[in-house]
């Protein structure tokens, strides 16, 4: 792949940025939903403690 024009550089950088942002966003969502479920559902922790 020859990056000869500014448009080629822009497309390459935009593609890499989209991949990186998507990856970071998915990790962020996993941690936010994980912590959100633990705080919004207090009965869940007691069930886990009872099972253990």
N, C-alpha and C. Protein backbone atom coordinates (compact mmCIF):
# COMPACT_ATOMS: atom_id res chain seq x y z
N UNK A 1 0.85 -1.18 0.00
CA UNK A 1 0.00 0.00 0.00
C UNK A 1 0.89 1.24 0.00
N UNK A 2 0.72 2.06 -1.01
CA UNK A 2 1.50 3.30 -1.09
C UNK A 2 0.68 4.47 -0.60
N UNK A 3 1.15 5.09 0.48
CA UNK A 3 0.46 6.28 0.99
C UNK A 3 1.11 7.50 0.35
N UNK A 4 0.53 7.95 -0.76
CA UNK A 4 1.15 9.03 -1.50
C UNK A 4 0.42 10.34 -1.36
N UNK A 5 -0.85 10.31 -1.06
CA UNK A 5 -1.60 11.56 -0.99
C UNK A 5 -2.10 11.80 0.44
N UNK A 6 -2.51 13.02 0.68
CA UNK A 6 -3.02 13.37 2.00
C UNK A 6 -4.29 12.58 2.30
N UNK A 7 -5.08 12.29 1.27
CA UNK A 7 -6.31 11.52 1.48
C UNK A 7 -6.00 10.11 1.95
N UNK A 8 -4.95 9.50 1.40
CA UNK A 8 -4.55 8.16 1.83
C UNK A 8 -4.14 8.16 3.30
N UNK A 9 -3.37 9.17 3.69
CA UNK A 9 -2.98 9.28 5.10
C UNK A 9 -4.20 9.47 5.98
N UNK A 10 -5.12 10.31 5.54
CA UNK A 10 -6.33 10.57 6.33
C UNK A 10 -7.15 9.30 6.50
N UNK A 11 -7.32 8.55 5.42
CA UNK A 11 -8.11 7.31 5.49
C UNK A 11 -7.43 6.30 6.42
N UNK A 12 -6.10 6.19 6.31
CA UNK A 12 -5.38 5.24 7.17
C UNK A 12 -5.49 5.64 8.64
N UNK A 13 -5.28 6.91 8.93
CA UNK A 13 -5.35 7.38 10.32
C UNK A 13 -6.77 7.26 10.85
N UNK A 14 -7.77 7.60 10.02
CA UNK A 14 -9.16 7.50 10.46
C UNK A 14 -9.54 6.05 10.76
N UNK A 15 -9.09 5.12 9.92
CA UNK A 15 -9.38 3.71 10.16
C UNK A 15 -8.76 3.20 11.44
N UNK A 16 -7.50 3.56 11.67
CA UNK A 16 -6.84 3.15 12.91
C UNK A 16 -7.53 3.78 14.12
N UNK A 17 -7.90 5.06 14.00
CA UNK A 17 -8.57 5.75 15.10
C UNK A 17 -9.91 5.10 15.42
N UNK A 18 -10.66 4.71 14.40
CA UNK A 18 -11.96 4.07 14.63
C UNK A 18 -11.77 2.74 15.36
N UNK A 19 -10.78 1.97 14.94
CA UNK A 19 -10.53 0.68 15.60
C UNK A 19 -10.14 0.90 17.06
N UNK A 20 -9.24 1.84 17.32
CA UNK A 20 -8.78 2.09 18.69
C UNK A 20 -9.92 2.61 19.55
N UNK A 21 -10.70 3.57 19.02
CA UNK A 21 -11.81 4.14 19.80
C UNK A 21 -12.85 3.07 20.10
N UNK A 22 -13.15 2.21 19.11
CA UNK A 22 -14.12 1.14 19.34
C UNK A 22 -13.64 0.18 20.43
N UNK A 23 -12.36 -0.17 20.39
CA UNK A 23 -11.80 -1.09 21.39
C UNK A 23 -11.88 -0.47 22.78
N UNK A 24 -11.46 0.79 22.90
CA UNK A 24 -11.48 1.47 24.20
C UNK A 24 -12.92 1.64 24.68
N UNK A 25 -13.84 1.97 23.78
CA UNK A 25 -15.25 2.16 24.16
C UNK A 25 -15.83 0.84 24.67
N UNK A 26 -15.53 -0.28 24.01
CA UNK A 26 -16.06 -1.56 24.46
C UNK A 26 -15.54 -1.92 25.85
N UNK A 27 -14.26 -1.70 26.10
CA UNK A 27 -13.70 -1.98 27.42
C UNK A 27 -14.36 -1.07 28.47
N UNK A 28 -14.54 0.21 28.12
CA UNK A 28 -15.19 1.16 29.03
C UNK A 28 -16.61 0.70 29.37
N UNK A 29 -17.36 0.28 28.35
CA UNK A 29 -18.74 -0.18 28.58
C UNK A 29 -18.76 -1.41 29.48
N UNK A 30 -17.83 -2.33 29.29
CA UNK A 30 -17.80 -3.54 30.11
C UNK A 30 -17.59 -3.17 31.58
N UNK A 31 -16.62 -2.29 31.85
CA UNK A 31 -16.34 -1.92 33.24
C UNK A 31 -17.47 -1.09 33.83
N UNK A 32 -18.09 -0.20 33.06
CA UNK A 32 -19.19 0.62 33.58
C UNK A 32 -20.40 -0.25 33.88
N UNK A 33 -20.73 -1.17 32.98
CA UNK A 33 -21.88 -2.03 33.22
C UNK A 33 -21.61 -3.01 34.36
N UNK A 34 -20.37 -3.48 34.47
CA UNK A 34 -20.03 -4.40 35.55
C UNK A 34 -20.18 -3.71 36.89
N UNK A 35 -19.62 -2.50 37.04
CA UNK A 35 -19.73 -1.78 38.30
C UNK A 35 -21.17 -1.31 38.52
N UNK A 36 -21.88 -0.99 37.45
CA UNK A 36 -23.27 -0.55 37.58
C UNK A 36 -24.16 -1.66 38.08
N UNK A 37 -23.94 -2.89 37.62
CA UNK A 37 -24.76 -4.01 38.08
C UNK A 37 -24.49 -4.30 39.55
N UNK A 38 -23.27 -4.17 39.99
CA UNK A 38 -22.96 -4.47 41.38
C UNK A 38 -23.60 -3.44 42.31
N UNK A 39 -23.63 -2.17 41.91
CA UNK A 39 -24.17 -1.13 42.79
C UNK A 39 -25.68 -1.04 42.68
N UNK A 40 -26.26 -1.36 41.50
CA UNK A 40 -27.70 -1.18 41.33
C UNK A 40 -28.49 -2.39 41.82
N UNK A 41 -27.83 -3.52 42.04
CA UNK A 41 -28.53 -4.74 42.46
C UNK A 41 -27.91 -5.25 43.76
N UNK A 42 -28.34 -4.70 44.89
CA UNK A 42 -27.70 -5.11 46.15
C UNK A 42 -27.97 -6.56 46.53
N UNK A 43 -29.08 -7.14 46.07
CA UNK A 43 -29.37 -8.53 46.39
C UNK A 43 -28.44 -9.50 45.70
N UNK A 44 -27.82 -9.07 44.63
CA UNK A 44 -26.92 -9.94 43.87
C UNK A 44 -25.71 -10.35 44.70
N UNK A 45 -25.14 -9.40 45.44
CA UNK A 45 -23.97 -9.70 46.26
C UNK A 45 -24.32 -10.68 47.38
N UNK A 46 -25.48 -10.53 47.99
CA UNK A 46 -25.85 -11.42 49.09
C UNK A 46 -26.10 -12.83 48.55
N UNK A 47 -26.64 -12.95 47.34
CA UNK A 47 -26.82 -14.28 46.75
C UNK A 47 -25.47 -14.94 46.51
N UNK A 48 -24.50 -14.17 46.02
CA UNK A 48 -23.18 -14.72 45.80
C UNK A 48 -22.56 -15.17 47.12
N UNK A 49 -22.73 -14.37 48.17
CA UNK A 49 -22.16 -14.73 49.46
C UNK A 49 -22.82 -15.99 50.02
N UNK A 50 -24.12 -16.13 49.80
CA UNK A 50 -24.82 -17.31 50.31
C UNK A 50 -24.37 -18.56 49.57
N UNK A 51 -24.11 -18.43 48.27
CA UNK A 51 -23.65 -19.59 47.50
C UNK A 51 -22.26 -20.01 47.96
N UNK A 52 -21.41 -19.05 48.21
CA UNK A 52 -20.06 -19.37 48.65
C UNK A 52 -20.11 -19.83 50.08
